Amino acid sequence: MNTTTTHAPIDGPLHGLKVIDLTTVLSGPYTTQILADLGAEVLKIEGPTGDAMRSNGVLRTPGFGHIFLASNRNKKSVQLDLKQEEGKSKLKLLLKDADVFIHNMRMAAIERLGLSYSTVVEINPRIIYCSITGYGSNGPHGGRPAFDDVIQAASGLVDINSGSGGPAYVKTVIADKVAGLMAANAVLAALHCRSEHGIAQEIEVPMLETMTAFNLVEHMGGLTYPDRAEPPGYKRLLEGGRRVIHTQDGALCIMPYGPKQWETILCRLGQQSEFEKLAIRSRADVSRNIGALNDLLERLGPTMSNQQWQAVCDELDIASGKINPLHEILDDEHLAAVGLFETSDHPVVGPIVQVRHPVLYSKTPATLRSPAPSLGEHNDTYLPKND
């Protein structure tokens, strides 16, 4: 894709969109950062002490934890005490000409603040109102608190990720981020509906339902059929279908796909008789024998170096890649070449490295226009002056 442009007439495809962001921690801020990266004007409404992530993670400068820096760029910070009438009044002024209002509070909490959909829609009938909740408000757990850990557990992910030590969490806040991606999609769908049909509406993005749907795309298995006669899950993933191949000098991911590729690589490596014993003719045969196939590949791992294995895979057009240690990810040849990591000078923190928006737009690119803001940095810009 050619992304070269001599002049971008607007800052991103969502230029001109105004978002009031009453979110904290990660699911909501991740949503609104996506919108902000794409050009929306995002006003991050923060209470007296600010977003909790300001004090979390690697913290070299007070108020700028690394997670906050990574999920709040391109936003404007407006500090308001919404427990006071003055703060609520000022927020309602900001809502009058907004396109989107988004929060990730429990319903009871947002109602106590007087900012439920029924109230906000009276202020602005055109508003797209998005709530990110732990559980759907129409279910028995609707008012419960929820964090990424709890949603990973309830959605089946902790069970799916079980290993020799039993059930295990995925080592990333995946439920928060998947909910954030879903919320961004939902907001854009609602904006399209408003644009094409004149319909503004309320959106609820429940984390448990979202994460369960995400997990079950490939793991429904026998649950697909009402009799449940077969077990759930995708066997290739649950029963040894993914292995780290340890080589002479490191480790690789090697992914032959389908019977032909398995035959090709094993025969190339002198294992034709072993492959023929498995009588593999179809994808279903591969699925049934995935453990045995990977056993063969795993045993062969130490016979070659990473470079030799990569050469064989490239020759046979088999997907493969090195296991990138997290501390070396910035040095990955491909990621460095495509400029995924950008270094900029934060006016408070100093030089920081950020991951740019990963999607490429040929005419209206997403840009890093401004770093994560200081608490209340933009009050004077957006709030009326007190008499």
Protein backbone atom coordinates (compact mmCIF):
# COMPACT_ATOMS: atom_id res chain seq x y z
CA MET A 1 0.00 0.00 0.00
CA ASN A 2 1.37 3.41 -0.95
CA THR A 3 1.01 5.70 2.06
CA THR A 4 3.02 8.61 0.69
CA THR A 5 1.07 11.85 0.68
CA THR A 6 2.26 15.36 -0.10
CA HIS A 7 -0.61 17.03 1.69
CA ALA A 8 -3.15 15.69 4.15
CA PRO A 9 -6.14 18.04 3.99
CA ILE A 10 -7.45 16.77 7.34
CA ASP A 11 -5.91 15.17 10.40
CA GLY A 12 -7.25 11.64 10.10
CA PRO A 13 -10.53 10.16 8.87
CA LEU A 14 -12.41 11.21 12.03
CA HIS A 15 -11.36 14.87 11.85
CA GLY A 16 -14.23 17.06 13.01
CA LEU A 17 -15.67 14.50 15.44
CA LYS A 18 -15.96 15.62 19.08
CA VAL A 19 -15.79 12.96 21.81
CA ILE A 20 -16.41 13.47 25.52
CA ASP A 21 -14.40 10.77 27.25
CA LEU A 22 -15.36 9.89 30.83
CA THR A 23 -13.30 6.70 30.97
CA THR A 24 -10.44 5.47 33.09
CA VAL A 25 -7.98 2.57 33.46
CA LEU A 26 -7.79 0.86 30.03
CA SER A 27 -10.90 -0.41 28.19
CA GLY A 28 -12.33 3.08 27.71
CA PRO A 29 -9.06 4.97 27.22
CA TYR A 30 -8.02 2.40 24.60
CA THR A 31 -11.31 3.01 22.78
CA THR A 32 -10.94 6.77 22.80
CA GLN A 33 -7.27 6.66 21.85
CA ILE A 34 -8.23 4.78 18.69
CA LEU A 35 -10.75 7.52 17.91
CA ALA A 36 -8.21 10.22 18.78
CA ASP A 37 -5.48 8.66 16.63
CA LEU A 38 -7.95 8.75 13.74
CA GLY A 39 -8.42 12.49 14.14
CA ALA A 40 -11.28 12.92 16.59
CA GLU A 41 -11.12 15.72 19.14
CA VAL A 42 -11.21 13.77 22.41
CA LEU A 43 -11.79 15.64 25.66
CA LYS A 44 -10.64 13.39 28.49
CA ILE A 45 -12.67 14.33 31.57
CA GLU A 46 -10.67 13.58 34.72
CA GLY A 47 -11.60 13.91 38.36
CA PRO A 48 -9.53 15.76 40.99
CA THR A 49 -6.88 12.99 41.17
CA GLY A 50 -6.97 12.02 37.50
CA ASP A 51 -7.04 8.67 35.71
CA ALA A 52 -5.84 5.78 37.91
CA MET A 53 -3.30 4.81 35.24
CA ARG A 54 -1.43 8.06 35.82
CA SER A 55 0.15 6.32 38.81
CA ASN A 56 0.52 2.77 37.47
CA GLY A 57 3.34 0.86 35.81
CA VAL A 58 6.79 2.33 35.09
CA LEU A 59 6.62 5.80 36.62
CA ARG A 60 9.55 8.17 36.08
CA THR A 61 7.48 11.36 36.23
CA PRO A 62 4.55 11.78 38.66
CA GLY A 63 1.23 11.58 36.83
CA PHE A 64 2.64 9.84 33.77
CA GLY A 65 2.75 6.07 34.27
CA HIS A 66 3.77 4.20 31.13
CA ILE A 67 0.27 2.73 30.59
CA PHE A 68 -1.24 6.21 30.74
CA LEU A 69 1.30 7.47 28.21
CA ALA A 70 0.49 4.51 25.94
CA SER A 71 -3.29 4.95 25.97
CA ASN A 72 -4.02 8.67 26.18
CA ARG A 73 -2.11 10.43 23.44
CA ASN A 74 -3.89 12.85 21.10
CA LYS A 75 -6.38 13.74 23.86
CA LYS A 76 -7.13 16.92 25.78
CA SER A 77 -7.38 16.72 29.57
CA VAL A 78 -10.18 18.62 31.29
CA GLN A 79 -10.23 18.31 35.08
CA LEU A 80 -13.69 18.47 36.65
CA ASP A 81 -15.11 17.40 40.00
CA LEU A 82 -18.36 15.78 38.88
CA LYS A 83 -19.49 15.32 42.47
CA GLN A 84 -19.96 19.08 42.57
CA GLU A 85 -22.76 20.86 40.72
CA GLU A 86 -20.32 23.30 39.13
CA GLY A 87 -18.36 20.43 37.60
CA LYS A 88 -21.48 18.74 36.26
CA SER A 89 -22.75 22.01 34.81
CA LYS A 90 -19.50 22.56 32.94
CA LEU A 91 -19.55 19.01 31.58
CA LYS A 92 -23.11 19.49 30.34
CA LEU A 93 -21.97 22.55 28.42
CA LEU A 94 -19.30 20.45 26.72
CA LEU A 95 -21.88 17.79 25.85
CA LYS A 96 -24.10 20.22 23.93
CA ASP A 97 -22.12 20.06 20.70
CA ALA A 98 -20.43 16.65 21.18
CA ASP A 99 -20.87 13.73 18.80
CA VAL A 100 -19.99 10.95 21.23
CA PHE A 101 -20.11 10.47 25.00
CA ILE A 102 -18.34 7.40 26.35
CA HIS A 103 -17.85 6.07 29.88
CA ASN A 104 -16.84 2.79 31.53
CA MET A 105 -18.53 3.24 34.89
CA ARG A 106 -21.12 0.93 36.40
CA MET A 107 -24.66 2.00 35.56
CA ALA A 108 -25.52 2.84 39.17
CA ALA A 109 -22.47 5.10 39.41
CA ILE A 110 -23.22 7.01 36.21
CA GLU A 111 -26.81 7.46 37.32
CA ARG A 112 -25.68 8.87 40.67
CA LEU A 113 -23.70 11.46 38.74
CA GLY A 114 -26.83 12.39 36.82
CA LEU A 115 -25.27 11.40 33.50
CA SER A 116 -27.43 8.49 32.36
CA TYR A 117 -28.48 8.28 28.72
CA SER A 118 -31.91 9.74 29.44
CA THR A 119 -30.29 12.86 30.91
CA VAL A 120 -27.55 13.30 28.31
CA VAL A 121 -29.89 12.81 25.35
CA GLU A 122 -32.02 15.71 26.62
CA ILE A 123 -28.93 17.91 26.50
CA ASN A 124 -27.94 16.68 23.03
CA PRO A 125 -30.42 14.58 21.01
CA ARG A 126 -27.70 13.82 18.40
CA ILE A 127 -25.34 12.21 20.89
CA ILE A 128 -23.98 8.70 20.45
CA TYR A 129 -23.83 7.46 24.04
CA CYS A 130 -21.51 4.50 24.67
CA SER A 131 -21.17 2.57 27.94
CA ILE A 132 -18.49 -0.07 28.49
CA THR A 133 -19.74 -2.31 31.28
CA GLY A 134 -18.50 -5.49 32.93
CA TYR A 135 -21.72 -7.38 32.31
CA GLY A 136 -24.79 -6.58 30.24
CA SER A 137 -27.16 -4.44 32.28
CA ASN A 138 -30.10 -6.67 31.32
CA GLY A 139 -28.60 -9.70 33.11
CA PRO A 140 -28.38 -10.79 36.75
CA HIS A 141 -24.75 -9.61 37.08
CA GLY A 142 -25.44 -6.24 35.49
CA GLY A 143 -24.30 -4.15 38.44
CA ARG A 144 -21.26 -6.16 39.46
CA PRO A 145 -17.73 -4.76 39.40
CA ALA A 146 -15.46 -6.31 36.78
CA PHE A 147 -11.83 -6.14 35.82
CA ASP A 148 -9.83 -7.87 33.10
CA ASP A 149 -8.90 -10.78 35.39
CA VAL A 150 -12.52 -11.53 36.27
CA ILE A 151 -13.65 -11.34 32.64
CA GLN A 152 -10.82 -13.60 31.45
CA ALA A 153 -12.01 -16.15 34.01
CA ALA A 154 -15.75 -15.91 33.34
CA SER A 155 -15.40 -15.90 29.54
CA GLY A 156 -13.60 -19.25 29.46
CA LEU A 157 -10.22 -17.79 28.52
CA VAL A 158 -8.46 -18.87 31.72
CA ASP A 159 -9.67 -22.43 31.11
CA ILE A 160 -8.66 -22.32 27.42
CA ASN A 161 -5.19 -21.17 28.49
CA SER A 162 -4.74 -24.06 30.93
CA GLY A 163 -1.35 -25.74 31.03
CA SER A 164 0.44 -28.28 33.16
CA GLY A 165 -0.15 -26.05 36.18
CA GLY A 166 -3.88 -25.84 35.60
CA PRO A 167 -5.98 -22.81 34.53
CA ALA A 168 -3.90 -19.71 33.74
CA TYR A 169 -4.48 -16.07 32.89
CA VAL A 170 -3.25 -14.64 29.60
CA LYS A 171 -0.41 -12.24 30.41
CA THR A 172 -1.98 -9.19 28.82
CA VAL A 173 -5.12 -7.25 29.67
CA ILE A 174 -6.82 -8.77 26.66
CA ALA A 175 -10.41 -8.44 27.88
CA ASP A 176 -10.00 -4.69 28.38
CA LYS A 177 -8.43 -4.23 24.96
CA VAL A 178 -10.89 -6.45 23.07
CA ALA A 179 -13.75 -4.52 24.70
CA GLY A 180 -12.03 -1.31 23.64
CA LEU A 181 -11.77 -2.46 20.04
CA MET A 182 -15.42 -3.53 20.06
CA ALA A 183 -16.49 -0.20 21.54
CA ALA A 184 -14.59 1.76 18.87
CA ASN A 185 -16.31 -0.32 16.16
CA ALA A 186 -19.68 0.17 17.81
CA VAL A 187 -19.23 3.94 17.99
CA LEU A 188 -18.28 4.11 14.31
CA ALA A 189 -21.29 1.95 13.35
CA ALA A 190 -23.61 4.22 15.34
CA LEU A 191 -22.09 7.33 13.76
CA HIS A 192 -22.69 5.87 10.30
CA CYS A 193 -26.29 5.12 11.22
CA ARG A 194 -26.76 8.68 12.45
CA SER A 195 -25.20 10.08 9.29
CA GLU A 196 -27.20 7.92 6.87
CA HIS A 197 -30.51 7.53 8.71
CA GLY A 198 -30.65 10.34 11.25
CA ILE A 199 -30.80 7.91 14.17
CA ALA A 200 -28.75 8.65 17.30
CA GLN A 201 -28.66 6.00 19.97
CA GLU A 202 -27.28 4.45 23.13
CA ILE A 203 -24.67 1.67 22.90
CA GLU A 204 -23.69 -0.77 25.62
CA VAL A 205 -20.51 -2.84 25.26
CA PRO A 206 -20.47 -5.51 28.00
CA MET A 207 -17.02 -6.98 28.56
CA LEU A 208 -18.13 -10.51 29.48
CA GLU A 209 -20.37 -10.94 26.44
CA THR A 210 -17.74 -9.35 24.18
CA MET A 211 -14.90 -11.54 25.42
CA THR A 212 -17.00 -14.71 25.38
CA ALA A 213 -17.96 -14.05 21.75
CA PHE A 214 -14.29 -13.40 20.94
CA ASN A 215 -13.13 -16.66 22.54
CA LEU A 216 -15.81 -18.87 21.01
CA VAL A 217 -15.21 -18.03 17.35
CA GLU A 218 -12.91 -21.06 17.12
CA HIS A 219 -13.69 -22.75 20.44
CA MET A 220 -17.43 -23.47 20.12
CA GLY A 221 -16.60 -26.96 18.84
CA GLY A 222 -19.31 -29.37 19.95
CA LEU A 223 -21.25 -26.53 21.61
CA THR A 224 -22.23 -25.55 18.06
CA TYR A 225 -24.88 -28.28 18.16
CA PRO A 226 -27.72 -28.35 20.71
CA ASP A 227 -27.03 -31.95 21.79
CA ARG A 228 -23.46 -31.05 22.91
CA ALA A 229 -22.39 -34.59 22.04
CA GLU A 230 -18.83 -33.49 21.27
CA PRO A 231 -16.54 -31.41 23.47
CA PRO A 232 -16.02 -27.68 23.01
CA GLY A 233 -12.77 -26.22 21.77
CA TYR A 234 -10.53 -26.21 18.71
CA LYS A 235 -8.38 -29.32 19.01
CA ARG A 236 -5.39 -27.95 17.11
CA LEU A 237 -4.96 -25.27 19.75
CA LEU A 238 -5.94 -27.24 22.82
CA GLU A 239 -4.04 -30.47 22.17
CA GLY A 240 -0.48 -29.64 21.22
CA GLY A 241 -1.21 -27.85 17.96
CA ARG A 242 1.10 -25.00 18.84
CA ARG A 243 4.69 -25.69 19.83
CA VAL A 244 7.76 -23.58 20.29
CA ILE A 245 10.47 -25.32 18.26
CA HIS A 246 13.79 -25.18 20.09
CA THR A 247 16.75 -25.05 17.70
CA GLN A 248 20.52 -25.22 18.05
CA ASP A 249 20.73 -21.54 18.95
CA GLY A 250 17.28 -20.33 19.91
CA ALA A 251 13.61 -20.91 19.24
CA LEU A 252 11.16 -20.47 16.37
CA CYS A 253 7.48 -20.61 15.56
CA ILE A 254 7.04 -22.95 12.58
CA MET A 255 3.53 -23.31 11.22
CA PRO A 256 2.93 -25.81 8.38
CA TYR A 257 -0.69 -25.36 7.35
CA GLY A 258 -2.64 -28.23 5.91
CA PRO A 259 -1.61 -31.76 4.87
CA LYS A 260 0.48 -30.74 1.87
CA GLN A 261 2.74 -28.41 3.84
CA TRP A 262 3.23 -30.98 6.60
CA GLU A 263 4.16 -33.58 4.02
CA THR A 264 6.50 -31.18 2.23
CA ILE A 265 8.52 -30.13 5.26
CA LEU A 266 8.74 -33.56 6.88
CA CYS A 267 9.80 -35.22 3.63
CA ARG A 268 12.33 -32.43 3.01
CA LEU A 269 13.77 -33.26 6.45
CA GLY A 270 13.96 -37.01 5.81
CA GLN A 271 10.84 -38.00 7.73
CA GLN A 272 8.75 -39.34 4.84
CA SER A 273 8.24 -42.79 6.40
CA GLU A 274 7.18 -41.26 9.72
CA PHE A 275 4.72 -39.00 7.93
CA GLU A 276 3.28 -41.90 5.91
CA LYS A 277 2.63 -43.89 9.09
CA LEU A 278 0.13 -41.22 10.14
CA ALA A 279 -1.91 -41.73 6.92
CA ILE A 280 -2.71 -38.05 6.56
CA ARG A 281 -4.87 -37.19 3.58
CA SER A 282 -7.02 -34.26 4.73
CA ARG A 283 -7.19 -31.30 7.10
CA ALA A 284 -9.28 -33.42 9.43
CA ASP A 285 -6.43 -35.94 9.55
CA VAL A 286 -4.01 -33.14 10.40
CA SER A 287 -6.28 -32.01 13.22
CA ARG A 288 -6.53 -35.54 14.64
CA ASN A 289 -2.76 -36.07 14.48
CA ILE A 290 -1.54 -32.58 15.31
CA GLY A 291 0.26 -33.71 18.47
CA ALA A 292 2.20 -36.44 16.66
CA LEU A 293 3.09 -34.10 13.80
CA ASN A 294 4.45 -31.51 16.19
CA ASP A 295 6.35 -34.20 18.08
CA LEU A 296 8.23 -34.96 14.86
CA LEU A 297 8.99 -31.29 14.23
CA GLU A 298 10.00 -30.70 17.84
CA ARG A 299 12.46 -33.62 17.80
CA LEU A 300 14.06 -32.21 14.67
CA GLY A 301 14.45 -28.73 16.15
CA PRO A 302 17.97 -29.11 17.60
CA THR A 303 19.35 -30.47 14.31
CA MET A 304 19.57 -26.97 12.78
CA SER A 305 20.12 -23.34 13.73
CA ASN A 306 17.44 -20.67 13.59
CA GLN A 307 18.90 -19.40 10.32
CA GLN A 308 18.89 -22.86 8.74
CA TRP A 309 15.33 -23.53 9.81
CA GLN A 310 14.22 -20.16 8.48
CA ALA A 311 15.89 -20.90 5.15
CA VAL A 312 14.05 -24.24 4.85
CA CYS A 313 10.71 -22.63 5.71
CA ASP A 314 11.26 -19.80 3.24
CA GLU A 315 12.21 -22.30 0.53
CA LEU A 316 8.98 -24.25 1.14
CA ASP A 317 6.83 -21.13 1.67
CA ILE A 318 5.91 -22.24 5.18
CA ALA A 319 5.01 -19.55 7.72
CA SER A 320 7.64 -19.16 10.42
CA GLY A 321 9.23 -16.57 12.60
CA LYS A 322 11.54 -16.05 15.51
CA ILE A 323 10.31 -15.85 19.08
CA ASN A 324 10.85 -12.19 19.85
CA PRO A 325 11.85 -11.53 23.47
CA LEU A 326 9.87 -8.56 24.73
CA HIS A 327 13.04 -6.62 25.52
CA GLU A 328 14.11 -6.93 21.86
CA ILE A 329 10.78 -6.12 20.20
CA LEU A 330 11.83 -2.55 19.33
CA ASP A 331 14.72 -3.99 17.31
CA ASP A 332 12.64 -6.34 15.17
CA GLU A 333 13.76 -5.88 11.57
CA HIS A 334 10.29 -5.60 10.08
CA LEU A 335 8.72 -3.46 12.82
CA ALA A 336 11.65 -1.06 12.72
CA ALA A 337 11.49 -0.82 8.92
CA VAL A 338 7.79 0.07 8.88
CA GLY A 339 8.27 2.71 11.58
CA LEU A 340 5.90 1.21 14.14
CA PHE A 341 7.81 2.83 16.99
CA GLU A 342 8.05 6.61 17.18
CA THR A 343 10.26 8.62 19.52
CA SER A 344 9.00 12.04 20.52
CA ASP A 345 9.68 14.65 23.18
CA HIS A 346 6.98 14.83 25.82
CA PRO A 347 6.94 18.37 27.30
CA VAL A 348 6.89 17.00 30.86
CA VAL A 349 8.37 13.50 30.68
CA GLY A 350 11.03 14.08 28.02
CA PRO A 351 11.87 11.61 25.21
CA ILE A 352 9.44 8.67 25.01
CA VAL A 353 8.92 5.80 22.57
CA GLN A 354 5.37 5.12 21.44
CA VAL A 355 3.69 2.58 19.18
CA ARG A 356 2.03 4.43 16.31
CA HIS A 357 -1.48 3.63 15.13
CA PRO A 358 -0.94 0.40 13.13
CA VAL A 359 -3.51 0.90 10.36
CA LEU A 360 -2.46 2.65 7.14
CA TYR A 361 -4.72 5.19 5.41
CA SER A 362 -3.61 6.40 2.00
CA LYS A 363 -5.29 9.83 2.13
CA THR A 364 -6.02 10.62 5.79
CA PRO A 365 -3.32 8.95 7.89
CA ALA A 366 -3.62 8.53 11.63
CA THR A 367 -0.99 10.67 13.33
CA LEU A 368 0.61 11.26 16.69
CA ARG A 369 -0.38 14.90 17.03
CA SER A 370 0.08 15.42 20.75
CA PRO A 371 1.35 13.39 23.73
CA ALA A 372 -0.69 12.26 26.71
CA PRO A 373 -1.74 15.44 28.53
CA SER A 374 -1.06 16.71 32.01
CA LEU A 375 -4.03 16.61 34.37
CA GLY A 376 -6.32 19.52 33.55
CA GLU A 377 -3.92 20.83 30.91
CA HIS A 378 -6.74 22.01 28.65
CA ASN A 379 -9.19 23.47 31.17
CA ASP A 380 -8.54 27.02 29.98
CA THR A 381 -9.17 26.00 26.36
CA TYR A 382 -12.48 24.26 26.86
CA LEU A 383 -14.10 25.55 30.03
CA PRO A 384 -15.83 28.90 30.49
CA LYS A 385 -13.96 31.36 32.67
CA ASN A 386 -15.37 31.87 36.16
CA ASP A 387 -16.70 35.35 36.82
